[in-house]
C-alpha cells in the first residue's frame, strides 16, 4: 500500500475525531520516523506490513479517545518537542499566551522566574529557550511529572531546576522577578471532564476545590512573599474566571491588573505587578 492510499484510509478511520487529517499525519510521521514534509514529497512510498500493523493498533486506541500525544509520547510547544505522559497535562497551544505575556514583561537584563505546577516543564523550558541568561526554576508536586520535566530539560539542553513539592513549599527564602502558573482550575462537577483528551489526563492537574478557584486563590495570596518589588504574577485560568481573578489580584494589592484573551477570544491569562517600594509610597500619599 502506498503512503497516499494509507493516508486517505487513516483519515476515513479517524473521521469521528476533532482533527482526523492532522491526527492521521501525526501518527504516520511517528511510525515512519519522518517529518510531515515526507508525506507530501513521497506519496508513492510503499508502507511495509509491519508499519501498517503498528498504525492499525494506534488507530484503535485513538478511536477509543486516547490523546494523540499519549500515542506518540510527544507534543510540540513553542517549537520545542516535549515528552508527555499520562502523569501530566498535555501542553495546549493557548498556554503559549503565557510565554508571550511573560516575554513582554520580563526585565531586559537577567531575571529569576519560577513556573509552579510545571508538568512537562513546557512554560519554564519555553522561557529558558528565549532567555538563556535567566535563572528558571520549576516546581511540581507529582514525582513522575517532575522526573518527566527533568528529562525534557536534559534532552533539550535547556538548564532549568525542577524542585519537588507543592506550590511555594520548596521556595523558602527565594524571590523572583516573575511567578507563572497554569494550576488546576476546573470545578469537580464540570461535565467537560468527561469529554475529549481530559478524560485521560490526571484529575489532580485539572480539578480544584471551591468551584475551581482554590489553587488560584492560594497563588494570588502567597505570591507577594516570593516576588521582587515590581515582579509579575501570571496565571492561566478558565474562560469564565477572569473577573474573579482580577478582583483577587486587586484586593491583594497588585497593580496593572489585566486579563489576556486566548486565540479563541476567551479570557485565559490574568496578571498583575507587585508594587515596588516607591509605588507603594505613592499609593499611600
Protein backbone atom coordinates (compact mmCIF):
# COMPACT_ATOMS: atom_id res chain seq x y z
CA UNK A 1 0.00 0.00 0.00
CA UNK A 2 1.31 3.47 -0.89
CA UNK A 3 1.65 6.32 1.57
CA UNK A 4 -1.07 8.30 -0.22
CA UNK A 5 -3.51 5.39 -0.02
CA UNK A 6 -2.84 4.74 3.65
CA UNK A 7 -3.06 8.43 4.48
CA UNK A 8 -6.55 8.60 2.99
CA UNK A 9 -7.63 5.42 4.76
CA UNK A 10 -6.44 6.77 8.12
CA UNK A 11 -8.39 9.99 7.64
CA UNK A 12 -11.55 7.99 6.98
CA UNK A 13 -10.97 5.79 10.04
CA UNK A 14 -10.42 8.82 12.27
CA UNK A 15 -13.28 10.85 10.82
CA UNK A 16 -15.19 10.87 14.11
CA UNK A 17 -12.46 12.89 15.85
CA UNK A 18 -11.86 16.63 16.05
CA UNK A 19 -8.92 16.71 13.61
CA UNK A 20 -8.77 13.49 11.55
CA UNK A 21 -6.37 14.80 8.89
CA UNK A 22 -3.88 16.12 11.43
CA UNK A 23 -4.18 13.01 13.62
CA UNK A 24 -3.55 10.76 10.62
CA UNK A 25 -0.43 12.68 9.62
CA UNK A 26 0.97 12.81 13.15
CA UNK A 27 0.55 9.05 13.58
CA UNK A 28 2.09 8.37 10.18
CA UNK A 29 5.10 10.56 10.93
CA UNK A 30 5.50 8.84 14.28
CA UNK A 31 5.53 5.33 12.83
CA UNK A 32 7.69 6.20 9.81
CA UNK A 33 10.08 8.40 11.79
CA UNK A 34 9.76 11.07 9.12
CA UNK A 35 8.77 14.78 9.07
CA UNK A 36 5.40 15.82 7.70
CA UNK A 37 7.06 17.12 4.55
CA UNK A 38 7.91 13.50 3.66
CA UNK A 39 4.19 12.68 3.39
CA UNK A 40 3.78 15.34 0.72
CA UNK A 41 7.00 14.66 -1.16
CA UNK A 42 6.73 10.87 -1.41
CA UNK A 43 3.06 9.84 -1.83
CA UNK A 44 4.14 6.74 -3.77
CA UNK A 45 6.27 5.43 -0.88
CA UNK A 46 5.32 1.84 -0.04
CA UNK A 47 4.26 1.16 3.56
CA UNK A 48 5.51 -2.13 4.99
CA UNK A 49 3.13 -4.67 6.60
CA UNK A 50 4.82 -4.07 9.97
CA UNK A 51 4.22 -0.32 9.71
CA UNK A 52 0.60 -0.93 8.70
CA UNK A 53 0.09 -3.17 11.73
CA UNK A 54 1.58 -0.58 14.09
CA UNK A 55 -0.64 2.12 12.63
CA UNK A 56 -3.74 -0.07 12.90
CA UNK A 57 -3.10 -0.56 16.62
CA UNK A 58 -2.66 3.19 17.16
CA UNK A 59 -5.85 3.96 15.24
CA UNK A 60 -7.86 1.66 17.50
CA UNK A 61 -6.54 3.47 20.57
CA UNK A 62 -7.28 6.86 19.02
CA UNK A 63 -10.82 5.79 18.11
CA UNK A 64 -11.32 4.98 21.81
CA UNK A 65 -10.42 8.59 22.60
CA UNK A 66 -6.83 8.26 23.75
CA UNK A 67 -4.95 11.52 23.01
CA UNK A 68 -2.57 11.51 20.06
CA UNK A 69 0.13 12.97 22.32
CA UNK A 70 -0.12 9.88 24.53
CA UNK A 71 0.10 7.60 21.48
CA UNK A 72 3.28 9.24 20.24
CA UNK A 73 4.72 10.26 23.61
CA UNK A 74 5.48 13.73 22.20
CA UNK A 75 3.84 17.15 21.90
CA UNK A 76 5.19 20.35 20.38
CA UNK A 77 5.02 23.53 22.45
CA UNK A 78 6.70 26.81 21.49
CA UNK A 79 8.57 24.86 18.76
CA UNK A 80 10.00 22.52 21.42
CA UNK A 81 9.31 18.80 21.16
CA UNK A 82 8.30 17.72 24.65
CA UNK A 83 7.96 14.23 26.04
CA UNK A 84 4.48 13.76 27.51
CA UNK A 85 2.80 11.04 29.55
CA UNK A 86 -0.48 10.34 31.38
CA UNK A 87 1.21 11.80 34.50
CA UNK A 88 0.85 15.37 33.19
CA UNK A 89 -1.44 17.67 31.28
CA UNK A 90 -0.85 17.75 27.54
CA UNK A 91 0.50 21.24 26.72
CA UNK A 92 -2.13 23.31 24.90
CA UNK A 93 -1.47 25.94 22.23
CA UNK A 94 -3.38 28.52 24.28
CA UNK A 95 -0.80 28.22 27.06
CA UNK A 96 1.74 29.77 24.69
CA UNK A 97 -0.08 33.01 25.54
CA UNK A 98 1.59 32.78 28.98
CA UNK A 99 5.01 32.68 27.33
CA UNK A 100 4.21 35.66 25.10
CA UNK A 101 2.94 37.68 28.05
CA UNK A 102 5.99 36.81 30.14
CA UNK A 103 8.45 37.81 27.41
CA UNK A 104 6.72 41.17 27.07
CA UNK A 105 7.09 41.94 30.80
CA UNK A 106 10.39 40.47 31.95
CA UNK A 107 13.24 42.95 32.51
CA UNK A 108 15.83 43.41 29.80
CA UNK A 109 18.62 42.05 31.97
CA UNK A 110 18.92 38.64 33.63
CA UNK A 111 15.92 37.65 35.74
CA UNK A 112 14.80 34.87 38.04
CA UNK A 113 11.46 33.19 37.42
CA UNK A 114 9.53 30.14 38.56
CA UNK A 115 6.82 28.01 36.97
CA UNK A 116 4.57 26.48 39.64
CA UNK A 117 2.94 23.14 38.78
CA UNK A 118 5.22 22.77 35.79
CA UNK A 119 4.02 19.36 34.50
CA UNK A 120 6.05 18.64 31.37
CA UNK A 121 8.10 21.79 32.00
CA UNK A 122 6.54 23.46 28.95
CA UNK A 123 6.33 27.05 30.21
CA UNK A 124 9.68 27.02 32.01
CA UNK A 125 11.51 25.45 29.07
CA UNK A 126 9.93 27.80 26.52
CA UNK A 127 11.08 30.81 28.54
CA UNK A 128 14.56 29.36 29.04
CA UNK A 129 14.83 28.81 25.28
CA UNK A 130 14.10 32.51 24.70
CA UNK A 131 16.07 33.87 27.67
CA UNK A 132 19.07 31.61 28.34
CA UNK A 133 20.56 34.19 30.71
CA UNK A 134 17.65 33.83 33.18
CA UNK A 135 17.58 31.56 36.21
CA UNK A 136 14.48 29.40 35.71
CA UNK A 137 13.02 27.18 38.42
CA UNK A 138 10.07 24.82 38.10
CA UNK A 139 8.04 23.26 40.92
CA UNK A 140 5.99 20.06 40.60
CA UNK A 141 4.09 18.06 43.23
CA UNK A 142 3.86 14.78 41.27
CA UNK A 143 7.22 12.91 41.36
CA UNK A 144 6.61 11.24 37.98
CA UNK A 145 5.79 14.57 36.38
CA UNK A 146 8.85 16.20 37.97
CA UNK A 147 11.03 13.44 36.54
CA UNK A 148 9.45 14.00 33.13
CA UNK A 149 10.19 17.73 33.28
CA UNK A 150 13.80 16.97 34.15
CA UNK A 151 14.07 14.59 31.17
CA UNK A 152 12.72 17.27 28.86
CA UNK A 153 15.21 19.75 30.27
CA UNK A 154 18.14 17.39 29.70
CA UNK A 155 17.05 16.22 26.25
CA UNK A 156 16.52 19.79 25.00
CA UNK A 157 19.70 21.09 26.59
CA UNK A 158 17.77 23.80 28.47
CA UNK A 159 19.02 24.05 32.04
CA UNK A 160 16.11 24.61 34.40
CA UNK A 161 15.98 23.45 38.01
CA UNK A 162 12.97 21.26 38.85
CA UNK A 163 12.07 21.11 42.54
CA UNK A 164 9.64 18.59 44.01
CA UNK A 165 6.90 19.97 46.22
CA UNK A 166 3.54 21.73 46.45
CA UNK A 167 3.41 25.31 45.18
CA UNK A 168 5.73 27.51 47.28
CA UNK A 169 6.90 24.84 49.73
CA UNK A 170 10.33 24.26 48.04
CA UNK A 171 10.99 28.01 47.63
CA UNK A 172 11.54 29.27 51.18
CA UNK A 173 13.64 32.44 51.27
CA UNK A 174 13.65 32.94 47.48
CA UNK A 175 12.30 35.87 45.47
CA UNK A 176 11.55 36.08 41.77
CA UNK A 177 11.03 38.68 39.09
CA UNK A 178 8.14 36.58 37.78
CA UNK A 179 5.91 33.76 39.01
CA UNK A 180 3.87 31.81 36.46
CA UNK A 181 1.36 29.01 36.88
CA UNK A 182 -1.23 27.04 34.96
CA UNK A 183 -2.87 25.47 38.04
CA UNK A 184 -5.93 23.23 38.36
CA UNK A 185 -8.98 25.45 37.82
CA UNK A 186 -11.89 23.18 36.85
CA UNK A 187 -14.81 22.50 39.17
CA UNK A 188 -15.17 18.80 40.03
CA UNK A 189 -18.77 18.89 38.76
CA UNK A 190 -17.86 20.33 35.35
CA UNK A 191 -19.21 17.97 32.62
CA UNK A 192 -16.27 18.83 30.36
CA UNK A 193 -14.15 16.48 32.47
CA UNK A 194 -15.90 13.63 30.65
CA UNK A 195 -15.06 14.95 27.19
CA UNK A 196 -12.08 14.64 24.86
CA UNK A 197 -8.48 14.35 25.96
CA UNK A 198 -9.08 15.44 29.57
CA UNK A 199 -10.58 12.00 30.30
CA UNK A 200 -7.05 10.62 30.01
CA UNK A 201 -5.27 13.35 31.98
CA UNK A 202 -4.64 13.38 35.76
CA UNK A 203 -7.55 14.87 37.72
CA UNK A 204 -5.08 16.35 40.20
CA UNK A 205 -3.81 18.65 37.45
CA UNK A 206 -7.30 19.69 36.38
CA UNK A 207 -9.65 19.90 39.36
CA UNK A 208 -9.60 22.34 42.26
CA UNK A 209 -11.95 22.89 45.18
CA UNK A 210 -14.13 25.99 45.66
CA UNK A 211 -15.58 25.71 42.15
CA UNK A 212 -12.10 25.51 40.66
CA UNK A 213 -10.75 28.61 42.44
CA UNK A 214 -8.94 27.19 45.49
CA UNK A 215 -5.45 26.95 43.98
CA UNK A 216 -5.77 30.24 42.12
CA UNK A 217 -6.70 31.99 45.38
CA UNK A 218 -3.74 30.41 47.14
CA UNK A 219 -1.33 31.56 44.42
CA UNK A 220 -2.63 35.14 44.48
CA UNK A 221 -2.46 35.30 48.27
CA UNK A 222 1.04 33.83 48.69
CA UNK A 223 2.89 35.13 45.61
CA UNK A 224 3.84 38.56 47.07
CA UNK A 225 6.00 36.81 49.68
CA UNK A 226 8.13 35.46 46.83
CA UNK A 227 8.07 38.36 44.38
CA UNK A 228 10.72 41.02 43.95
CA UNK A 229 9.46 44.60 44.03
CA UNK A 230 7.94 45.23 40.62
CA UNK A 231 7.69 41.48 39.96
CA UNK A 232 4.85 39.90 37.99
CA UNK A 233 2.37 37.12 38.66
CA UNK A 234 0.82 35.39 35.61
CA UNK A 235 -1.99 32.86 36.00
CA UNK A 236 -3.82 30.76 33.44
CA UNK A 237 -7.46 30.08 34.33
CA UNK A 238 -10.87 29.08 32.99
CA UNK A 239 -12.64 31.29 30.47
CA UNK A 240 -15.29 32.38 32.98
CA UNK A 241 -12.89 33.13 35.84
CA UNK A 242 -11.21 36.29 34.60
CA UNK A 243 -13.36 38.78 36.51
CA UNK A 244 -12.90 36.86 39.77
CA UNK A 245 -9.12 36.60 39.36
CA UNK A 246 -8.80 40.31 38.56
CA UNK A 247 -10.72 41.11 41.74
CA UNK A 248 -8.48 38.80 43.80
CA UNK A 249 -5.33 40.40 42.39
CA UNK A 250 -6.51 43.95 43.09
CA UNK A 251 -7.67 43.07 46.59
CA UNK A 252 -4.25 41.58 47.37
CA UNK A 253 -2.56 44.79 46.24
CA UNK A 254 -1.38 44.04 42.71
CA UNK A 255 -1.32 46.84 40.17
CA UNK A 256 -1.56 46.93 36.37
CA UNK A 257 -4.03 44.06 36.59
CA UNK A 258 -5.46 42.77 33.32
CA UNK A 259 -6.73 39.65 31.61
CA UNK A 260 -5.49 38.49 28.21
CA UNK A 261 -7.64 36.59 25.73
CA UNK A 262 -6.57 33.32 24.10
CA UNK A 263 -6.53 32.57 20.39
CA UNK A 264 -10.22 31.70 20.55
CA UNK A 265 -11.09 35.08 22.07
CA UNK A 266 -11.73 33.75 25.60
CA UNK A 267 -10.30 35.27 28.77
CA UNK A 268 -7.41 32.96 29.64
CA UNK A 269 -4.45 34.61 31.45
CA UNK A 270 -4.72 37.18 34.25
CA UNK A 271 -1.72 39.03 35.57
CA UNK A 272 -0.62 41.76 37.90
CA UNK A 273 2.52 43.58 39.03
CA UNK A 274 3.56 43.65 42.68
CA UNK A 275 4.32 47.32 43.55
CA UNK A 276 7.83 48.38 44.35
CA UNK A 277 8.54 50.38 47.48
CA UNK A 278 8.26 53.69 45.64
CA UNK A 279 5.00 52.58 44.03
CA UNK A 280 3.54 51.71 47.43
CA UNK A 281 4.62 55.08 48.89
CA UNK A 282 2.97 56.92 46.01
CA UNK A 283 -0.26 54.99 46.58
CA UNK A 284 -0.24 55.92 50.27
CA UNK A 285 0.08 59.66 49.55
